[in-house]
Amino acid sequence: ESGGGLVQAGGSLRLSCAASGSIFSINVMGW
């Protein structure tokens, strides 16, 4: 994961999560 941090109320953030390694398929991703 990346993109976390400190933000003021009312602000915005965008989190990212990248999967790596041996992957055949991904069916569901979540937070």
Full PDB file with SEQRES, HELIX, SHEET, SSBOND, CRYST1, ORIGX, SCALE, CONECT and MASTER records, all heavy atoms in Angstrom:
SEQRES   1 A   31  GLU SER GLY GLY GLY LEU VAL GLN ALA GLY GLY SER LEU          
SEQRES   2 A   31  ARG LEU SER CYS ALA ALA SER GLY SER ILE PHE SER ILE          
SEQRES   3 A   31  ASN VAL MET GLY TRP                                          
CRYST1    1.000    1.000    1.000  90.00  90.00  90.00 P 1           1          
ORIGX1      1.000000  0.000000  0.000000        0.00000                         
ORIGX2      0.000000  1.000000  0.000000        0.00000                         
ORIGX3      0.000000  0.000000  1.000000        0.00000                         
SCALE1      1.000000  0.000000  0.000000        0.00000                         
SCALE2      0.000000  1.000000  0.000000        0.00000                         
SCALE3      0.000000  0.000000  1.000000        0.00000                         
ATOM      1  N   GLU A   1       0.828  -1.201   0.000  1.00  0.00           N  
ATOM      2  CA  GLU A   1       0.000   0.000   0.000  1.00  0.00           C  
ATOM      3  C   GLU A   1       0.864   1.253   0.000  1.00  0.00           C  
ATOM      4  O   GLU A   1       1.984   1.252   0.510  1.00  0.00           O  
ATOM      5  CB  GLU A   1      -0.921   0.042   1.224  1.00  0.00           C  
ATOM      6  CG  GLU A   1      -1.887  -1.119   1.339  1.00  0.00           C  
ATOM      7  CD  GLU A   1      -1.444  -2.125   2.367  1.00  0.00           C  
ATOM      8  OE1 GLU A   1      -0.224  -2.231   2.615  1.00  0.00           O  
ATOM      9  OE2 GLU A   1      -2.315  -2.810   2.943  1.00  0.00           O  
ATOM     10  N   SER A   2       0.310   2.316  -0.528  1.00  0.00           N  
ATOM     11  CA  SER A   2       0.960   3.611  -0.490  1.00  0.00           C  
ATOM     12  C   SER A   2      -0.104   4.693  -0.552  1.00  0.00           C  
ATOM     13  O   SER A   2      -1.248   4.435  -0.907  1.00  0.00           O  
ATOM     14  CB  SER A   2       1.956   3.776  -1.645  1.00  0.00           C  
ATOM     15  OG  SER A   2       1.302   3.711  -2.897  1.00  0.00           O  
ATOM     16  N   GLY A   3       0.281   5.903  -0.210  1.00  0.00           N  
ATOM     17  CA  GLY A   3      -0.619   7.035  -0.329  1.00  0.00           C  
ATOM     18  C   GLY A   3      -1.199   7.545   0.965  1.00  0.00           C  
ATOM     19  O   GLY A   3      -1.896   8.566   0.971  1.00  0.00           O  
ATOM     20  N   GLY A   4      -0.944   6.853   2.060  1.00  0.00           N  
ATOM     21  CA  GLY A   4      -1.439   7.322   3.337  1.00  0.00           C  
ATOM     22  C   GLY A   4      -0.686   8.557   3.794  1.00  0.00           C  
ATOM     23  O   GLY A   4       0.343   8.933   3.236  1.00  0.00           O  
ATOM     24  N   GLY A   5      -1.224   9.182   4.818  1.00  0.00           N  
ATOM     25  CA  GLY A   5      -0.590  10.372   5.341  1.00  0.00           C  
ATOM     26  C   GLY A   5      -1.518  11.164   6.226  1.00  0.00           C  
ATOM     27  O   GLY A   5      -2.556  10.670   6.673  1.00  0.00           O  
ATOM     28  N   LEU A   6      -1.131  12.390   6.463  1.00  0.00           N  
ATOM     29  CA  LEU A   6      -1.890  13.308   7.302  1.00  0.00           C  
ATOM     30  C   LEU A   6      -2.624  14.307   6.423  1.00  0.00           C  
ATOM     31  O   LEU A   6      -2.029  14.917   5.525  1.00  0.00           O  
ATOM     32  CB  LEU A   6      -0.958  14.035   8.269  1.00  0.00           C  
ATOM     33  CG  LEU A   6      -1.560  15.133   9.139  1.00  0.00           C  
ATOM     34  CD1 LEU A   6      -2.583  14.542  10.106  1.00  0.00           C  
ATOM     35  CD2 LEU A   6      -0.464  15.866   9.890  1.00  0.00           C  
ATOM     36  N   VAL A   7      -3.892  14.480   6.692  1.00  0.00           N  
ATOM     37  CA  VAL A   7      -4.703  15.414   5.922  1.00  0.00           C  
ATOM     38  C   VAL A   7      -5.716  16.075   6.844  1.00  0.00           C  
ATOM     39  O   VAL A   7      -6.140  15.485   7.843  1.00  0.00           O  
ATOM     40  CB  VAL A   7      -5.413  14.690   4.754  1.00  0.00           C  
ATOM     41  CG1 VAL A   7      -6.419  13.676   5.277  1.00  0.00           C  
ATOM     42  CG2 VAL A   7      -6.071  15.676   3.811  1.00  0.00           C  
ATOM     43  N   GLN A   8      -6.085  17.292   6.525  1.00  0.00           N  
ATOM     44  CA  GLN A   8      -7.096  17.992   7.304  1.00  0.00           C  
ATOM     45  C   GLN A   8      -8.491  17.494   6.946  1.00  0.00           C  
ATOM     46  O   GLN A   8      -8.728  16.995   5.841  1.00  0.00           O  
ATOM     47  CB  GLN A   8      -7.015  19.499   7.065  1.00  0.00           C  
ATOM     48  CG  GLN A   8      -5.762  20.153   7.603  1.00  0.00           C  
ATOM     49  CD  GLN A   8      -5.781  21.659   7.440  1.00  0.00           C  
ATOM     50  OE1 GLN A   8      -6.764  22.240   6.981  1.00  0.00           O  
ATOM     51  NE2 GLN A   8      -4.694  22.306   7.822  1.00  0.00           N  
ATOM     52  N   ALA A   9      -9.392  17.626   7.900  1.00  0.00           N  
ATOM     53  CA  ALA A   9     -10.777  17.260   7.644  1.00  0.00           C  
ATOM     54  C   ALA A   9     -11.299  17.983   6.408  1.00  0.00           C  
ATOM     55  O   ALA A   9     -11.052  19.176   6.223  1.00  0.00           O  
ATOM     56  CB  ALA A   9     -11.639  17.584   8.854  1.00  0.00           C  
ATOM     57  N   GLY A  10     -12.012  17.239   5.581  1.00  0.00           N  
ATOM     58  CA  GLY A  10     -12.511  17.783   4.338  1.00  0.00           C  
ATOM     59  C   GLY A  10     -11.585  17.573   3.162  1.00  0.00           C  
ATOM     60  O   GLY A  10     -11.983  17.787   2.012  1.00  0.00           O  
ATOM     61  N   GLY A  11     -10.376  17.151   3.435  1.00  0.00           N  
ATOM     62  CA  GLY A  11      -9.405  16.924   2.387  1.00  0.00           C  
ATOM     63  C   GLY A  11      -9.546  15.555   1.750  1.00  0.00           C  
ATOM     64  O   GLY A  11     -10.470  14.799   2.043  1.00  0.00           O  
ATOM     65  N   SER A  12      -8.587  15.244   0.887  1.00  0.00           N  
ATOM     66  CA  SER A  12      -8.632  14.002   0.125  1.00  0.00           C  
ATOM     67  C   SER A  12      -7.292  13.289   0.143  1.00  0.00           C  
ATOM     68  O   SER A  12      -6.238  13.908   0.271  1.00  0.00           O  
ATOM     69  CB  SER A  12      -9.018  14.286  -1.335  1.00  0.00           C  
ATOM     70  OG  SER A  12     -10.297  14.869  -1.438  1.00  0.00           O  
ATOM     71  N   LEU A  13      -7.358  11.990   0.008  1.00  0.00           N  
ATOM     72  CA  LEU A  13      -6.192  11.148  -0.171  1.00  0.00           C  
ATOM     73  C   LEU A  13      -6.541  10.051  -1.155  1.00  0.00           C  
ATOM     74  O   LEU A  13      -7.695   9.644  -1.252  1.00  0.00           O  
ATOM     75  CB  LEU A  13      -5.731  10.514   1.143  1.00  0.00           C  
ATOM     76  CG  LEU A  13      -5.003  11.379   2.162  1.00  0.00           C  
ATOM     77  CD1 LEU A  13      -4.791  10.586   3.446  1.00  0.00           C  
ATOM     78  CD2 LEU A  13      -3.665  11.860   1.616  1.00  0.00           C  
ATOM     79  N   ARG A  14      -5.534   9.561  -1.838  1.00  0.00           N  
ATOM     80  CA  ARG A  14      -5.715   8.447  -2.749  1.00  0.00           C  
ATOM     81  C   ARG A  14      -4.743   7.344  -2.369  1.00  0.00           C  
ATOM     82  O   ARG A  14      -3.532   7.525  -2.444  1.00  0.00           O  
ATOM     83  CB  ARG A  14      -5.486   8.860  -4.196  1.00  0.00           C  
ATOM     84  CG  ARG A  14      -5.784   7.766  -5.225  1.00  0.00           C  
ATOM     85  CD  ARG A  14      -5.580   8.297  -6.626  1.00  0.00           C  
ATOM     86  NE  ARG A  14      -6.004   7.364  -7.654  1.00  0.00           N  
ATOM     87  CZ  ARG A  14      -5.202   6.846  -8.585  1.00  0.00           C  
ATOM     88  NH1 ARG A  14      -3.914   7.175  -8.616  1.00  0.00           N  
ATOM     89  NH2 ARG A  14      -5.684   6.017  -9.496  1.00  0.00           N  
ATOM     90  N   LEU A  15      -5.282   6.221  -1.957  1.00  0.00           N  
ATOM     91  CA  LEU A  15      -4.478   5.074  -1.591  1.00  0.00           C  
ATOM     92  C   LEU A  15      -4.310   4.153  -2.791  1.00  0.00           C  
ATOM     93  O   LEU A  15      -5.220   3.996  -3.594  1.00  0.00           O  
ATOM     94  CB  LEU A  15      -5.118   4.297  -0.448  1.00  0.00           C  
ATOM     95  CG  LEU A  15      -5.463   5.068   0.828  1.00  0.00           C  
ATOM     96  CD1 LEU A  15      -6.024   4.113   1.871  1.00  0.00           C  
ATOM     97  CD2 LEU A  15      -4.246   5.808   1.359  1.00  0.00           C  
ATOM     98  N   SER A  16      -3.145   3.547  -2.870  1.00  0.00           N  
ATOM     99  CA  SER A  16      -2.866   2.577  -3.912  1.00  0.00           C  
ATOM    100  C   SER A  16      -2.381   1.287  -3.278  1.00  0.00           C  
ATOM    101  O   SER A  16      -1.739   1.298  -2.229  1.00  0.00           O  
ATOM    102  CB  SER A  16      -1.799   3.094  -4.881  1.00  0.00           C  
ATOM    103  OG  SER A  16      -2.216   4.268  -5.531  1.00  0.00           O  
ATOM    104  N   CYS A  17      -2.671   0.194  -3.918  1.00  0.00           N  
ATOM    105  CA  CYS A  17      -2.200  -1.108  -3.470  1.00  0.00           C  
ATOM    106  C   CYS A  17      -1.855  -1.937  -4.690  1.00  0.00           C  
ATOM    107  O   CYS A  17      -2.737  -2.238  -5.504  1.00  0.00           O  
ATOM    108  CB  CYS A  17      -3.260  -1.816  -2.632  1.00  0.00           C  
ATOM    109  SG  CYS A  17      -2.848  -3.529  -2.209  1.00  0.00           S  
ATOM    110  N   ALA A  18      -0.600  -2.288  -4.806  1.00  0.00           N  
ATOM    111  CA  ALA A  18      -0.122  -3.057  -5.942  1.00  0.00           C  
ATOM    112  C   ALA A  18       0.246  -4.466  -5.510  1.00  0.00           C  
ATOM    113  O   ALA A  18       0.995  -4.653  -4.549  1.00  0.00           O  
ATOM    114  CB  ALA A  18       1.081  -2.376  -6.580  1.00  0.00           C  
ATOM    115  N   ALA A  19      -0.282  -5.428  -6.215  1.00  0.00           N  
ATOM    116  CA  ALA A  19       0.053  -6.822  -5.976  1.00  0.00           C  
ATOM    117  C   ALA A  19       1.190  -7.236  -6.900  1.00  0.00           C  
ATOM    118  O   ALA A  19       1.197  -6.892  -8.084  1.00  0.00           O  
ATOM    119  CB  ALA A  19      -1.156  -7.720  -6.210  1.00  0.00           C  
ATOM    120  N   SER A  20       2.138  -7.960  -6.357  1.00  0.00           N  
ATOM    121  CA  SER A  20       3.266  -8.412  -7.151  1.00  0.00           C  
ATOM    122  C   SER A  20       3.641  -9.827  -6.759  1.00  0.00           C  
ATOM    123  O   SER A  20       3.230 -10.329  -5.719  1.00  0.00           O  
ATOM    124  CB  SER A  20       4.467  -7.478  -6.985  1.00  0.00           C  
ATOM    125  OG  SER A  20       4.920  -7.469  -5.643  1.00  0.00           O  
ATOM    126  N   GLY A  21       4.464 -10.446  -7.586  1.00  0.00           N  
ATOM    127  CA  GLY A  21       4.881 -11.807  -7.353  1.00  0.00           C  
ATOM    128  C   GLY A  21       4.234 -12.746  -8.339  1.00  0.00           C  
ATOM    129  O   GLY A  21       3.822 -12.349  -9.428  1.00  0.00           O  
ATOM    130  N   SER A  22       4.161 -13.999  -7.954  1.00  0.00           N  
ATOM    131  CA  SER A  22       3.544 -15.006  -8.803  1.00  0.00           C  
ATOM    132  C   SER A  22       2.028 -14.897  -8.688  1.00  0.00           C  
ATOM    133  O   SER A  22       1.454 -15.233  -7.658  1.00  0.00           O  
ATOM    134  CB  SER A  22       4.021 -16.402  -8.400  1.00  0.00           C  
ATOM    135  OG  SER A  22       3.418 -17.399  -9.202  1.00  0.00           O  
ATOM    136  N   ILE A  23       1.409 -14.409  -9.740  1.00  0.00           N  
ATOM    137  CA  ILE A  23      -0.034 -14.188  -9.745  1.00  0.00           C  
ATOM    138  C   ILE A  23      -0.626 -14.747 -11.019  1.00  0.00           C  
ATOM    139  O   ILE A  23      -0.232 -14.350 -12.114  1.00  0.00           O  
ATOM    140  CB  ILE A  23      -0.376 -12.694  -9.627  1.00  0.00           C  
ATOM    141  CG1 ILE A  23       0.157 -12.115  -8.321  1.00  0.00           C  
ATOM    142  CG2 ILE A  23      -1.886 -12.491  -9.736  1.00  0.00           C  
ATOM    143  CD1 ILE A  23       0.026 -10.615  -8.232  1.00  0.00           C  
ATOM    144  N   PHE A  24      -1.567 -15.644 -10.853  1.00  0.00           N  
ATOM    145  CA  PHE A  24      -2.299 -16.145 -12.002  1.00  0.00           C  
ATOM    146  C   PHE A  24      -3.547 -15.303 -12.250  1.00  0.00           C  
ATOM    147  O   PHE A  24      -3.823 -14.923 -13.378  1.00  0.00           O  
ATOM    148  CB  PHE A  24      -2.674 -17.617 -11.819  1.00  0.00           C  
ATOM    149  CG  PHE A  24      -3.490 -18.171 -12.943  1.00  0.00           C  
ATOM    150  CD1 PHE A  24      -2.899 -18.472 -14.156  1.00  0.00           C  
ATOM    151  CD2 PHE A  24      -4.855 -18.380 -12.807  1.00  0.00           C  
ATOM    152  CE1 PHE A  24      -3.644 -18.975 -15.208  1.00  0.00           C  
ATOM    153  CE2 PHE A  24      -5.609 -18.884 -13.849  1.00  0.00           C  
ATOM    154  CZ  PHE A  24      -5.002 -19.181 -15.053  1.00  0.00           C  
ATOM    155  N   SER A  25      -4.276 -15.024 -11.199  1.00  0.00           N  
ATOM    156  CA  SER A  25      -5.470 -14.215 -11.339  1.00  0.00           C  
ATOM    157  C   SER A  25      -5.853 -13.615  -9.999  1.00  0.00           C  
ATOM    158  O   SER A  25      -5.507 -14.133  -8.943  1.00  0.00           O  
ATOM    159  CB  SER A  25      -6.635 -15.028 -11.903  1.00  0.00           C  
ATOM    160  OG  SER A  25      -7.025 -16.056 -11.012  1.00  0.00           O  
ATOM    161  N   ILE A  26      -6.592 -12.519 -10.062  1.00  0.00           N  
ATOM    162  CA  ILE A  26      -7.146 -11.855  -8.887  1.00  0.00           C  
ATOM    163  C   ILE A  26      -8.633 -11.667  -9.119  1.00  0.00           C  
ATOM    164  O   ILE A  26      -9.025 -11.097 -10.138  1.00  0.00           O  
ATOM    165  CB  ILE A  26      -6.486 -10.489  -8.631  1.00  0.00           C  
ATOM    166  CG1 ILE A  26      -4.974 -10.641  -8.467  1.00  0.00           C  
ATOM    167  CG2 ILE A  26      -7.104  -9.816  -7.411  1.00  0.00           C  
ATOM    168  CD1 ILE A  26      -4.243  -9.317  -8.364  1.00  0.00           C  
ATOM    169  N   ASN A  27      -9.438 -12.131  -8.196  1.00  0.00           N  
ATOM    170  CA  ASN A  27     -10.877 -11.993  -8.406  1.00  0.00           C  
ATOM    171  C   ASN A  27     -11.488 -10.827  -7.621  1.00  0.00           C  
ATOM    172  O   ASN A  27     -12.311 -10.091  -8.148  1.00  0.00           O  
ATOM    173  CB  ASN A  27     -11.623 -13.290  -8.104  1.00  0.00           C  
ATOM    174  CG  ASN A  27     -11.352 -13.823  -6.705  1.00  0.00           C  
ATOM    175  OD1 ASN A  27     -10.582 -13.267  -5.933  1.00  0.00           O  
ATOM    176  ND2 ASN A  27     -12.015 -14.938  -6.389  1.00  0.00           N  
ATOM    177  N   VAL A  28     -11.080 -10.656  -6.385  1.00  0.00           N  
ATOM    178  CA  VAL A  28     -11.626  -9.592  -5.553  1.00  0.00           C  
ATOM    179  C   VAL A  28     -10.494  -8.844  -4.871  1.00  0.00           C  
ATOM    180  O   VAL A  28      -9.561  -9.462  -4.361  1.00  0.00           O  
ATOM    181  CB  VAL A  28     -12.597 -10.144  -4.489  1.00  0.00           C  
ATOM    182  CG1 VAL A  28     -13.126  -9.015  -3.612  1.00  0.00           C  
ATOM    183  CG2 VAL A  28     -13.747 -10.886  -5.146  1.00  0.00           C  
ATOM    184  N   MET A  29     -10.589  -7.533  -4.852  1.00  0.00           N  
ATOM    185  CA  MET A  29      -9.653  -6.710  -4.101  1.00  0.00           C  
ATOM    186  C   MET A  29     -10.457  -5.756  -3.236  1.00  0.00           C  
ATOM    187  O   MET A  29     -11.563  -5.359  -3.602  1.00  0.00           O  
ATOM    188  CB  MET A  29      -8.720  -5.922  -5.017  1.00  0.00           C  
ATOM    189  CG  MET A  29      -7.887  -6.784  -5.945  1.00  0.00           C  
ATOM    190  SD  MET A  29      -6.621  -5.845  -6.857  1.00  0.00           S  
ATOM    191  CE  MET A  29      -5.342  -5.710  -5.591  1.00  0.00           C  
ATOM    192  N   GLY A  30      -9.892  -5.402  -2.101  1.00  0.00           N  
ATOM    193  CA  GLY A  30     -10.631  -4.536  -1.216  1.00  0.00           C  
ATOM    194  C   GLY A  30      -9.755  -3.787  -0.246  1.00  0.00           C  
ATOM    195  O   GLY A  30      -8.538  -3.970  -0.193  1.00  0.00           O  
ATOM    196  N   TRP A  31     -10.419  -2.927   0.506  1.00  0.00           N  
ATOM    197  CA  TRP A  31      -9.773  -2.134   1.535  1.00  0.00           C  
ATOM    198  C   TRP A  31     -10.492  -2.328   2.861  1.00  0.00           C  
ATOM    199  O   TRP A  31     -11.731  -2.300   2.914  1.00  0.00           O  
ATOM    200  CB  TRP A  31      -9.773  -0.648   1.179  1.00  0.00           C  
ATOM    201  CG  TRP A  31      -8.878  -0.299   0.037  1.00  0.00           C  
ATOM    202  CD1 TRP A  31      -9.207  -0.208  -1.275  1.00  0.00           C  
ATOM    203  CD2 TRP A  31      -7.490   0.016   0.127  1.00  0.00           C  
ATOM    204  NE1 TRP A  31      -8.118   0.141  -2.018  1.00  0.00           N  
ATOM    205  CE2 TRP A  31      -7.044   0.283  -1.191  1.00  0.00           C  
ATOM    206  CE3 TRP A  31      -6.576   0.094   1.176  1.00  0.00           C  
ATOM    207  CZ2 TRP A  31      -5.724   0.632  -1.473  1.00  0.00           C  
ATOM    208  CZ3 TRP A  31      -5.263   0.433   0.898  1.00  0.00           C  
ATOM    209  CH2 TRP A  31      -4.849   0.701  -0.415  1.00  0.00           C  
TER     210      TRP A  31                                                      
MASTER        0    0    0    0    0    0    0    6  209    1    0    3          
END                                                                             
